[in-house]
């Protein structure tokens, strides 16, 4: 592919049917999938941990009010789960920003 100034540059677009998909699009999709999987998995792990500790009512409440899950996880010393929850949520938000821009 030639540019307007006559120079050559690499075109890293994949074609599926009649549509071209860039490598950046592939990375954003992978980021969506992986960050959402991390967030959901860590959320469920926190809920299981909360079910194992009294008061057990926190687990269903954390299902409805999601931001309470990492807060209660830190209070119950489930620090790795809370960090994974926050990292997954932030990465998912970043994927949304990359996709919209």
PDB file of N, CA and C in Angstrom:
ATOM      1  N   UNK A   1       0.855  -1.174   0.000  1.00  0.00           N
ATOM      2  CA  UNK A   1       0.000   0.000   0.000  1.00  0.00           C
ATOM      3  C   UNK A   1       0.892   1.226   0.000  1.00  0.00           C
ATOM      4  N   UNK A   2       0.585   2.201  -0.807  1.00  0.00           N
ATOM      5  CA  UNK A   2       1.373   3.420  -0.865  1.00  0.00           C
ATOM      6  C   UNK A   2       0.625   4.549  -0.186  1.00  0.00           C
ATOM      7  N   UNK A   3       1.377   5.419   0.449  1.00  0.00           N
ATOM      8  CA  UNK A   3       0.764   6.567   1.105  1.00  0.00           C
ATOM      9  C   UNK A   3       0.781   7.753   0.158  1.00  0.00           C
ATOM     10  N   UNK A   4       0.223   8.861   0.581  1.00  0.00           N
ATOM     11  CA  UNK A   4       0.137  10.041  -0.272  1.00  0.00           C
ATOM     12  C   UNK A   4       1.494  10.609  -0.636  1.00  0.00           C
ATOM     13  N   UNK A   5       2.472  10.438   0.236  1.00  0.00           N
ATOM     14  CA  UNK A   5       3.800  10.977  -0.056  1.00  0.00           C
ATOM     15  C   UNK A   5       4.638  10.010  -0.883  1.00  0.00           C
ATOM     16  N   UNK A   6       4.070   8.913  -1.326  1.00  0.00           N
ATOM     17  CA  UNK A   6       4.782   7.988  -2.191  1.00  0.00           C
ATOM     18  C   UNK A   6       5.565   6.914  -1.452  1.00  0.00           C
ATOM     19  N   UNK A   7       5.643   6.990  -0.134  1.00  0.00           N
ATOM     20  CA  UNK A   7       6.395   6.000   0.631  1.00  0.00           C
ATOM     21  C   UNK A   7       5.585   4.728   0.853  1.00  0.00           C
ATOM     22  N   UNK A   8       6.274   3.672   1.160  1.00  0.00           N
ATOM     23  CA  UNK A   8       5.629   2.393   1.432  1.00  0.00           C
ATOM     24  C   UNK A   8       5.489   2.212   2.941  1.00  0.00           C
ATOM     25  N   UNK A   9       4.397   1.626   3.394  1.00  0.00           N
ATOM     26  CA  UNK A   9       4.255   1.271   4.796  1.00  0.00           C
ATOM     27  C   UNK A   9       3.486  -0.034   4.886  1.00  0.00           C
ATOM     28  N   UNK A  10       3.698  -0.718   5.993  1.00  0.00           N
ATOM     29  CA  UNK A  10       3.053  -2.010   6.185  1.00  0.00           C
ATOM     30  C   UNK A  10       1.596  -1.825   6.572  1.00  0.00           C
ATOM     31  N   UNK A  11       0.750  -2.683   6.041  1.00  0.00           N
ATOM     32  CA  UNK A  11      -0.670  -2.653   6.382  1.00  0.00           C
ATOM     33  C   UNK A  11      -0.972  -3.950   7.115  1.00  0.00           C
ATOM     34  N   UNK A  12      -1.239  -3.848   8.416  1.00  0.00           N
ATOM     35  CA  UNK A  12      -1.447  -5.019   9.257  1.00  0.00           C
ATOM     36  C   UNK A  12      -2.927  -5.302   9.460  1.00  0.00           C
ATOM     37  N   UNK A  13      -3.730  -5.106   8.450  1.00  0.00           N
ATOM     38  CA  UNK A  13      -5.173  -5.345   8.587  1.00  0.00           C
ATOM     39  C   UNK A  13      -5.499  -6.757   8.129  1.00  0.00           C
ATOM     40  N   UNK A  14      -6.303  -7.438   8.928  1.00  0.00           N
ATOM     41  CA  UNK A  14      -6.814  -8.745   8.551  1.00  0.00           C
ATOM     42  C   UNK A  14      -8.141  -8.538   7.838  1.00  0.00           C
ATOM     43  N   UNK A  15      -8.462  -9.394   6.907  1.00  0.00           N
ATOM     44  CA  UNK A  15      -9.742  -9.252   6.228  1.00  0.00           C
ATOM     45  C   UNK A  15     -10.616 -10.451   6.535  1.00  0.00           C
ATOM     46  N   UNK A  16     -11.830 -10.164   6.954  1.00  0.00           N
ATOM     47  CA  UNK A  16     -12.849 -11.172   7.185  1.00  0.00           C
ATOM     48  C   UNK A  16     -14.011 -10.829   6.267  1.00  0.00           C
ATOM     49  N   UNK A  17     -14.173 -11.590   5.211  1.00  0.00           N
ATOM     50  CA  UNK A  17     -15.208 -11.266   4.234  1.00  0.00           C
ATOM     51  C   UNK A  17     -14.835  -9.987   3.508  1.00  0.00           C
ATOM     52  N   UNK A  18     -15.694  -8.991   3.592  1.00  0.00           N
ATOM     53  CA  UNK A  18     -15.414  -7.724   2.919  1.00  0.00           C
ATOM     54  C   UNK A  18     -14.952  -6.640   3.889  1.00  0.00           C
ATOM     55  N   UNK A  19     -14.764  -6.999   5.179  1.00  0.00           N
ATOM     56  CA  UNK A  19     -14.381  -6.001   6.173  1.00  0.00           C
ATOM     57  C   UNK A  19     -12.933  -6.211   6.594  1.00  0.00           C
ATOM     58  N   UNK A  20     -12.233  -5.115   6.788  1.00  0.00           N
ATOM     59  CA  UNK A  20     -10.863  -5.165   7.277  1.00  0.00           C
ATOM     60  C   UNK A  20     -10.855  -4.918   8.782  1.00  0.00           C
ATOM     61  N   UNK A  21     -10.107  -5.734   9.509  1.00  0.00           N
ATOM     62  CA  UNK A  21     -10.003  -5.608  10.960  1.00  0.00           C
ATOM     63  C   UNK A  21      -8.543  -5.343  11.287  1.00  0.00           C
ATOM     64  N   UNK A  22      -8.276  -4.235  11.962  1.00  0.00           N
ATOM     65  CA  UNK A  22      -6.899  -3.887  12.279  1.00  0.00           C
ATOM     66  C   UNK A  22      -6.417  -4.656  13.508  1.00  0.00           C
ATOM     67  N   UNK A  23      -5.130  -4.682  13.692  1.00  0.00           N
ATOM     68  CA  UNK A  23      -4.541  -5.349  14.847  1.00  0.00           C
ATOM     69  C   UNK A  23      -4.970  -4.664  16.136  1.00  0.00           C
ATOM     70  N   UNK A  24      -5.153  -3.347  16.104  1.00  0.00           N
ATOM     71  CA  UNK A  24      -5.611  -2.622  17.286  1.00  0.00           C
ATOM     72  C   UNK A  24      -7.009  -3.089  17.697  1.00  0.00           C
ATOM     73  N   UNK A  25      -7.873  -3.339  16.722  1.00  0.00           N
ATOM     74  CA  UNK A  25      -9.209  -3.850  17.030  1.00  0.00           C
ATOM     75  C   UNK A  25      -9.128  -5.224  17.681  1.00  0.00           C
ATOM     76  N   UNK A  26      -8.247  -6.052  17.191  1.00  0.00           N
ATOM     77  CA  UNK A  26      -8.065  -7.388  17.766  1.00  0.00           C
ATOM     78  C   UNK A  26      -7.598  -7.296  19.222  1.00  0.00           C
ATOM     79  N   UNK A  27      -6.691  -6.370  19.499  1.00  0.00           N
ATOM     80  CA  UNK A  27      -6.177  -6.199  20.861  1.00  0.00           C
ATOM     81  C   UNK A  27      -7.273  -5.700  21.788  1.00  0.00           C
ATOM     82  N   UNK A  28      -8.091  -4.762  21.317  1.00  0.00           N
ATOM     83  CA  UNK A  28      -9.177  -4.234  22.143  1.00  0.00           C
ATOM     84  C   UNK A  28     -10.195  -5.328  22.447  1.00  0.00           C
ATOM     85  N   UNK A  29     -10.516  -6.158  21.472  1.00  0.00           N
ATOM     86  CA  UNK A  29     -11.457  -7.257  21.703  1.00  0.00           C
ATOM     87  C   UNK A  29     -10.882  -8.243  22.715  1.00  0.00           C
ATOM     88  N   UNK A  30      -9.600  -8.578  22.567  1.00  0.00           N
ATOM     89  CA  UNK A  30      -8.956  -9.474  23.532  1.00  0.00           C
ATOM     90  C   UNK A  30      -8.947  -8.856  24.925  1.00  0.00           C
ATOM     91  N   UNK A  31      -8.733  -7.547  24.989  1.00  0.00           N
ATOM     92  CA  UNK A  31      -8.743  -6.861  26.279  1.00  0.00           C
ATOM     93  C   UNK A  31     -10.129  -6.905  26.909  1.00  0.00           C
ATOM     94  N   UNK A  32     -11.173  -6.727  26.098  1.00  0.00           N
ATOM     95  CA  UNK A  32     -12.542  -6.858  26.590  1.00  0.00           C
ATOM     96  C   UNK A  32     -12.769  -8.232  27.205  1.00  0.00           C
ATOM     97  N   UNK A  33     -12.442  -9.259  26.462  1.00  0.00           N
ATOM     98  CA  UNK A  33     -12.727 -10.630  26.893  1.00  0.00           C
ATOM     99  C   UNK A  33     -11.941 -10.979  28.151  1.00  0.00           C
ATOM    100  N   UNK A  34     -10.642 -10.716  28.150  1.00  0.00           N
ATOM    101  CA  UNK A  34      -9.801 -11.100  29.292  1.00  0.00           C
ATOM    102  C   UNK A  34     -10.128 -10.294  30.549  1.00  0.00           C
ATOM    103  N   UNK A  35     -10.346  -8.996  30.396  1.00  0.00           N
ATOM    104  CA  UNK A  35     -10.635  -8.185  31.587  1.00  0.00           C
ATOM    105  C   UNK A  35     -12.013  -8.525  32.166  1.00  0.00           C
ATOM    106  N   UNK A  36     -12.986  -8.791  31.308  1.00  0.00           N
ATOM    107  CA  UNK A  36     -14.302  -9.162  31.811  1.00  0.00           C
ATOM    108  C   UNK A  36     -14.243 -10.526  32.498  1.00  0.00           C
ATOM    109  N   UNK A  37     -13.497 -11.451  31.928  1.00  0.00           N
ATOM    110  CA  UNK A  37     -13.346 -12.773  32.557  1.00  0.00           C
ATOM    111  C   UNK A  37     -12.676 -12.651  33.921  1.00  0.00           C
ATOM    112  N   UNK A  38     -11.643 -11.817  34.025  1.00  0.00           N
ATOM    113  CA  UNK A  38     -10.971 -11.612  35.311  1.00  0.00           C
ATOM    114  C   UNK A  38     -11.925 -10.991  36.320  1.00  0.00           C
ATOM    115  N   UNK A  39     -12.685  -9.985  35.887  1.00  0.00           N
ATOM    116  CA  UNK A  39     -13.597  -9.304  36.800  1.00  0.00           C
ATOM    117  C   UNK A  39     -14.683 -10.247  37.308  1.00  0.00           C
ATOM    118  N   UNK A  40     -15.310 -10.988  36.415  1.00  0.00           N
ATOM    119  CA  UNK A  40     -16.394 -11.889  36.820  1.00  0.00           C
ATOM    120  C   UNK A  40     -15.867 -13.013  37.702  1.00  0.00           C
ATOM    121  N   UNK A  41     -14.730 -13.583  37.344  1.00  0.00           N
ATOM    122  CA  UNK A  41     -14.157 -14.672  38.136  1.00  0.00           C
ATOM    123  C   UNK A  41     -13.789 -14.203  39.536  1.00  0.00           C
ATOM    124  N   UNK A  42     -13.161 -13.044  39.629  1.00  0.00           N
ATOM    125  CA  UNK A  42     -12.794 -12.548  40.954  1.00  0.00           C
ATOM    126  C   UNK A  42     -14.038 -12.157  41.756  1.00  0.00           C
ATOM    127  N   UNK A  43     -15.063 -11.649  41.093  1.00  0.00           N
ATOM    128  CA  UNK A  43     -16.308 -11.302  41.791  1.00  0.00           C
ATOM    129  C   UNK A  43     -16.954 -12.562  42.375  1.00  0.00           C
ATOM    130  N   UNK A  44     -17.000 -13.622  41.578  1.00  0.00           N
ATOM    131  CA  UNK A  44     -17.566 -14.874  42.079  1.00  0.00           C
ATOM    132  C   UNK A  44     -16.713 -15.474  43.195  1.00  0.00           C
ATOM    133  N   UNK A  45     -15.398 -15.359  43.087  1.00  0.00           N
ATOM    134  CA  UNK A  45     -14.521 -15.864  44.147  1.00  0.00           C
ATOM    135  C   UNK A  45     -14.734 -15.091  45.449  1.00  0.00           C
ATOM    136  N   UNK A  46     -14.931 -13.793  45.342  1.00  0.00           N
ATOM    137  CA  UNK A  46     -15.216 -12.986  46.535  1.00  0.00           C
ATOM    138  C   UNK A  46     -16.552 -13.403  47.135  1.00  0.00           C
ATOM    139  N   UNK A  47     -17.551 -13.623  46.295  1.00  0.00           N
ATOM    140  CA  UNK A  47     -18.855 -14.030  46.812  1.00  0.00           C
ATOM    141  C   UNK A  47     -18.792 -15.372  47.521  1.00  0.00           C
ATOM    142  N   UNK A  48     -18.042 -16.322  46.988  1.00  0.00           N
ATOM    143  CA  UNK A  48     -17.885 -17.616  47.651  1.00  0.00           C
ATOM    144  C   UNK A  48     -17.188 -17.429  48.995  1.00  0.00           C
ATOM    145  N   UNK A  49     -16.159 -16.574  49.027  1.00  0.00           N
ATOM    146  CA  UNK A  49     -15.479 -16.292  50.286  1.00  0.00           C
ATOM    147  C   UNK A  49     -16.384 -15.631  51.302  1.00  0.00           C
ATOM    148  N   UNK A  50     -17.256 -14.733  50.836  1.00  0.00           N
ATOM    149  CA  UNK A  50     -18.188 -14.077  51.749  1.00  0.00           C
ATOM    150  C   UNK A  50     -19.258 -15.041  52.250  1.00  0.00           C
ATOM    151  N   UNK A  51     -19.646 -15.999  51.411  1.00  0.00           N
ATOM    152  CA  UNK A  51     -20.611 -17.006  51.860  1.00  0.00           C
ATOM    153  C   UNK A  51     -20.035 -17.887  52.967  1.00  0.00           C
ATOM    154  N   UNK A  52     -18.721 -18.068  52.954  1.00  0.00           N
ATOM    155  CA  UNK A  52     -18.077 -18.934  53.945  1.00  0.00           C
ATOM    156  C   UNK A  52     -17.863 -18.235  55.283  1.00  0.00           C
ATOM    157  N   UNK A  53     -18.037 -16.905  55.306  1.00  0.00           N
ATOM    158  CA  UNK A  53     -17.783 -16.148  56.538  1.00  0.00           C
ATOM    159  C   UNK A  53     -19.065 -15.438  56.985  1.00  0.00           C
ATOM    160  N   UNK A  54     -19.355 -15.464  58.275  1.00  0.00           N
ATOM    161  CA  UNK A  54     -20.539 -14.716  58.740  1.00  0.00           C
ATOM    162  C   UNK A  54     -20.251 -13.215  58.725  1.00  0.00           C
ATOM    163  N   UNK A  55     -21.204 -12.369  58.521  1.00  0.00           N
ATOM    164  CA  UNK A  55     -22.597 -12.633  58.166  1.00  0.00           C
ATOM    165  C   UNK A  55     -22.723 -12.982  56.675  1.00  0.00           C
ATOM    166  N   UNK A  56     -23.407 -14.041  56.382  1.00  0.00           N
ATOM    167  CA  UNK A  56     -23.511 -14.580  55.032  1.00  0.00           C
ATOM    168  C   UNK A  56     -24.383 -13.733  54.103  1.00  0.00           C
ATOM    169  N   UNK A  57     -25.129 -12.808  54.649  1.00  0.00           N
ATOM    170  CA  UNK A  57     -25.999 -11.955  53.841  1.00  0.00           C
ATOM    171  C   UNK A  57     -25.193 -11.044  52.905  1.00  0.00           C
ATOM    172  N   UNK A  58     -23.922 -10.848  53.214  1.00  0.00           N
ATOM    173  CA  UNK A  58     -23.106  -9.967  52.370  1.00  0.00           C
ATOM    174  C   UNK A  58     -22.930 -10.505  50.956  1.00  0.00           C
ATOM    175  N   UNK A  59     -22.905 -11.815  50.776  1.00  0.00           N
ATOM    176  CA  UNK A  59     -22.690 -12.391  49.439  1.00  0.00           C
ATOM    177  C   UNK A  59     -23.807 -12.016  48.466  1.00  0.00           C
ATOM    178  N   UNK A  60     -25.091 -12.226  48.810  1.00  0.00           N
ATOM    179  CA  UNK A  60     -26.118 -11.800  47.853  1.00  0.00           C
ATOM    180  C   UNK A  60     -26.190 -10.282  47.678  1.00  0.00           C
ATOM    181  N   UNK A  61     -25.867  -9.541  48.728  1.00  0.00           N
ATOM    182  CA  UNK A  61     -25.850  -8.079  48.591  1.00  0.00           C
ATOM    183  C   UNK A  61     -24.737  -7.661  47.634  1.00  0.00           C
ATOM    184  N   UNK A  62     -23.578  -8.316  47.718  1.00  0.00           N
ATOM    185  CA  UNK A  62     -22.460  -8.004  46.819  1.00  0.00           C
ATOM    186  C   UNK A  62     -22.783  -8.369  45.374  1.00  0.00           C
ATOM    187  N   UNK A  63     -23.699  -9.304  45.185  1.00  0.00           N
ATOM    188  CA  UNK A  63     -24.118  -9.648  43.826  1.00  0.00           C
ATOM    189  C   UNK A  63     -24.918  -8.503  43.213  1.00  0.00           C
ATOM    190  N   UNK A  64     -25.728  -7.840  44.018  1.00  0.00           N
ATOM    191  CA  UNK A  64     -26.569  -6.749  43.523  1.00  0.00           C
ATOM    192  C   UNK A  64     -25.810  -5.425  43.509  1.00  0.00           C
ATOM    193  N   UNK A  65     -25.040  -5.150  44.541  1.00  0.00           N
ATOM    194  CA  UNK A  65     -24.265  -3.909  44.656  1.00  0.00           C
ATOM    195  C   UNK A  65     -22.787  -4.276  44.501  1.00  0.00           C
ATOM    196  N   UNK A  66     -22.353  -4.378  43.259  1.00  0.00           N
ATOM    197  CA  UNK A  66     -21.029  -4.914  42.941  1.00  0.00           C
ATOM    198  C   UNK A  66     -19.853  -4.196  43.628  1.00  0.00           C
ATOM    199  N   UNK A  67     -19.839  -2.873  43.766  1.00  0.00           N
ATOM    200  CA  UNK A  67     -18.681  -2.230  44.395  1.00  0.00           C
ATOM    201  C   UNK A  67     -18.455  -2.616  45.859  1.00  0.00           C
ATOM    202  N   UNK A  68     -19.451  -3.194  46.509  1.00  0.00           N
ATOM    203  CA  UNK A  68     -19.250  -3.636  47.887  1.00  0.00           C
ATOM    204  C   UNK A  68     -18.373  -4.887  47.968  1.00  0.00           C
ATOM    205  N   UNK A  69     -18.291  -5.642  46.887  1.00  0.00           N
ATOM    206  CA  UNK A  69     -17.521  -6.887  46.903  1.00  0.00           C
ATOM    207  C   UNK A  69     -16.043  -6.660  47.231  1.00  0.00           C
ATOM    208  N   UNK A  70     -15.325  -5.780  46.544  1.00  0.00           N
ATOM    209  CA  UNK A  70     -13.917  -5.605  46.914  1.00  0.00           C
ATOM    210  C   UNK A  70     -13.735  -4.964  48.292  1.00  0.00           C
ATOM    211  N   UNK A  71     -14.672  -4.100  48.680  1.00  0.00           N
ATOM    212  CA  UNK A  71     -14.597  -3.478  50.003  1.00  0.00           C
ATOM    213  C   UNK A  71     -14.674  -4.547  51.092  1.00  0.00           C
ATOM    214  N   UNK A  72     -15.673  -5.420  50.991  1.00  0.00           N
ATOM    215  CA  UNK A  72     -15.814  -6.480  51.982  1.00  0.00           C
ATOM    216  C   UNK A  72     -14.687  -7.498  51.872  1.00  0.00           C
ATOM    217  N   UNK A  73     -14.163  -7.701  50.664  1.00  0.00           N
ATOM    218  CA  UNK A  73     -13.039  -8.636  50.499  1.00  0.00           C
ATOM    219  C   UNK A  73     -11.810  -8.136  51.240  1.00  0.00           C
ATOM    220  N   UNK A  74     -11.547  -6.840  51.168  1.00  0.00           N
ATOM    221  CA  UNK A  74     -10.402  -6.277  51.899  1.00  0.00           C
ATOM    222  C   UNK A  74     -10.623  -6.397  53.399  1.00  0.00           C
ATOM    223  N   UNK A  75     -11.839  -6.128  53.842  1.00  0.00           N
ATOM    224  CA  UNK A  75     -12.142  -6.236  55.277  1.00  0.00           C
ATOM    225  C   UNK A  75     -12.005  -7.668  55.789  1.00  0.00           C
ATOM    226  N   UNK A  76     -12.255  -8.649  54.917  1.00  0.00           N
ATOM    227  CA  UNK A  76     -12.143 -10.058  55.300  1.00  0.00           C
ATOM    228  C   UNK A  76     -10.791 -10.659  54.923  1.00  0.00           C
ATOM    229  N   UNK A  77      -9.842  -9.816  54.592  1.00  0.00           N
ATOM    230  CA  UNK A  77      -8.468 -10.216  54.262  1.00  0.00           C
ATOM    231  C   UNK A  77      -8.372 -11.115  53.026  1.00  0.00           C
ATOM    232  N   UNK A  78      -9.210 -10.846  52.054  1.00  0.00           N
ATOM    233  CA  UNK A  78      -9.124 -11.501  50.743  1.00  0.00           C
ATOM    234  C   UNK A  78      -8.509 -10.485  49.773  1.00  0.00           C
ATOM    235  N   UNK A  79      -7.287 -10.083  50.072  1.00  0.00           N
ATOM    236  CA  UNK A  79      -6.655  -8.980  49.354  1.00  0.00           C
ATOM    237  C   UNK A  79      -6.398  -9.303  47.883  1.00  0.00           C
ATOM    238  N   UNK A  80      -5.938 -10.510  47.587  1.00  0.00           N
ATOM    239  CA  UNK A  80      -5.659 -10.872  46.193  1.00  0.00           C
ATOM    240  C   UNK A  80      -6.933 -10.838  45.354  1.00  0.00           C
ATOM    241  N   UNK A  81      -8.032 -11.303  45.913  1.00  0.00           N
ATOM    242  CA  UNK A  81      -9.310 -11.272  45.190  1.00  0.00           C
ATOM    243  C   UNK A  81      -9.768  -9.843  44.953  1.00  0.00           C
ATOM    244  N   UNK A  82      -9.593  -8.988  45.951  1.00  0.00           N
ATOM    245  CA  UNK A  82      -9.992  -7.587  45.805  1.00  0.00           C
ATOM    246  C   UNK A  82      -9.138  -6.885  44.754  1.00  0.00           C
ATOM    247  N   UNK A  83      -7.848  -7.154  44.754  1.00  0.00           N
ATOM    248  CA  UNK A  83      -6.962  -6.550  43.749  1.00  0.00           C
ATOM    249  C   UNK A  83      -7.337  -7.033  42.355  1.00  0.00           C
ATOM    250  N   UNK A  84      -7.602  -8.329  42.209  1.00  0.00           N
ATOM    251  CA  UNK A  84      -8.004  -8.868  40.910  1.00  0.00           C
ATOM    252  C   UNK A  84      -9.311  -8.227  40.445  1.00  0.00           C
ATOM    253  N   UNK A  85     -10.254  -7.997  41.354  1.00  0.00           N
ATOM    254  CA  UNK A  85     -11.530  -7.369  41.012  1.00  0.00           C
ATOM    255  C   UNK A  85     -11.299  -5.955  40.482  1.00  0.00           C
ATOM    256  N   UNK A  86     -10.474  -5.188  41.181  1.00  0.00           N
ATOM    257  CA  UNK A  86     -10.209  -3.800  40.776  1.00  0.00           C
ATOM    258  C   UNK A  86      -9.450  -3.761  39.451  1.00  0.00           C
ATOM    259  N   UNK A  87      -8.442  -4.610  39.301  1.00  0.00           N
ATOM    260  CA  UNK A  87      -7.666  -4.636  38.052  1.00  0.00           C
ATOM    261  C   UNK A  87      -8.564  -5.018  36.881  1.00  0.00           C
ATOM    262  N   UNK A  88      -9.414  -6.029  37.064  1.00  0.00           N
ATOM    263  CA  UNK A  88     -10.331  -6.426  36.002  1.00  0.00           C
ATOM    264  C   UNK A  88     -11.295  -5.317  35.630  1.00  0.00           C
ATOM    265  N   UNK A  89     -11.833  -4.624  36.631  1.00  0.00           N
ATOM    266  CA  UNK A  89     -12.750  -3.524  36.362  1.00  0.00           C
ATOM    267  C   UNK A  89     -12.090  -2.353  35.668  1.00  0.00           C
ATOM    268  N   UNK A  90     -10.894  -1.994  36.097  1.00  0.00           N
ATOM    269  CA  UNK A  90     -10.171  -0.878  35.471  1.00  0.00           C
ATOM    270  C   UNK A  90      -9.788  -1.231  34.039  1.00  0.00           C
ATOM    271  N   UNK A  91      -9.310  -2.450  33.824  1.00  0.00           N
ATOM    272  CA  UNK A  91      -8.942  -2.873  32.464  1.00  0.00           C
ATOM    273  C   UNK A  91     -10.168  -2.897  31.553  1.00  0.00           C
ATOM    274  N   UNK A  92     -11.299  -3.333  32.081  1.00  0.00           N
ATOM    275  CA  UNK A  92     -12.526  -3.341  31.286  1.00  0.00           C
ATOM    276  C   UNK A  92     -12.938  -1.908  30.921  1.00  0.00           C
ATOM    277  N   UNK A  93     -12.824  -0.994  31.871  1.00  0.00           N
ATOM    278  CA  UNK A  93     -13.119   0.404  31.582  1.00  0.00           C
ATOM    279  C   UNK A  93     -12.171   0.994  30.545  1.00  0.00           C
ATOM    280  N   UNK A  94     -10.896   0.625  30.631  1.00  0.00           N
ATOM    281  CA  UNK A  94      -9.933   1.089  29.635  1.00  0.00           C
ATOM    282  C   UNK A  94     -10.267   0.542  28.247  1.00  0.00           C
ATOM    283  N   UNK A  95     -10.727  -0.702  28.194  1.00  0.00           N
ATOM    284  CA  UNK A  95     -11.117  -1.281  26.904  1.00  0.00           C
ATOM    285  C   UNK A  95     -12.289  -0.497  26.312  1.00  0.00           C
ATOM    286  N   UNK A  96     -13.238  -0.097  27.150  1.00  0.00           N
ATOM    287  CA  UNK A  96     -14.354   0.719  26.669  1.00  0.00           C
ATOM    288  C   UNK A  96     -13.859   2.046  26.112  1.00  0.00           C
ATOM    289  N   UNK A  97     -12.915   2.677  26.817  1.00  0.00           N
ATOM    290  CA  UNK A  97     -12.387   3.955  26.332  1.00  0.00           C
ATOM    291  C   UNK A  97     -11.643   3.791  25.013  1.00  0.00           C
ATOM    292  N   UNK A  98     -10.871   2.720  24.888  1.00  0.00           N
ATOM    293  CA  UNK A  98     -10.146   2.474  23.633  1.00  0.00           C
ATOM    294  C   UNK A  98     -11.106   2.177  22.482  1.00  0.00           C
ATOM    295  N   UNK A  99     -12.174   1.468  22.784  1.00  0.00           N
ATOM    296  CA  UNK A  99     -13.124   1.110  21.727  1.00  0.00           C
ATOM    297  C   UNK A  99     -13.926   2.334  21.253  1.00  0.00           C
ATOM    298  N   UNK A 100     -14.188   3.265  22.160  1.00  0.00           N
ATOM    299  CA  UNK A 100     -15.003   4.411  21.782  1.00  0.00           C
ATOM    300  C   UNK A 100     -14.186   5.511  21.099  1.00  0.00           C
ATOM    301  N   UNK A 101     -12.875   5.457  21.232  1.00  0.00           N
ATOM    302  CA  UNK A 101     -12.034   6.529  20.686  1.00  0.00           C
ATOM    303  C   UNK A 101     -11.445   6.249  19.411  1.00  0.00           C
TER     304      UNK A 101
END
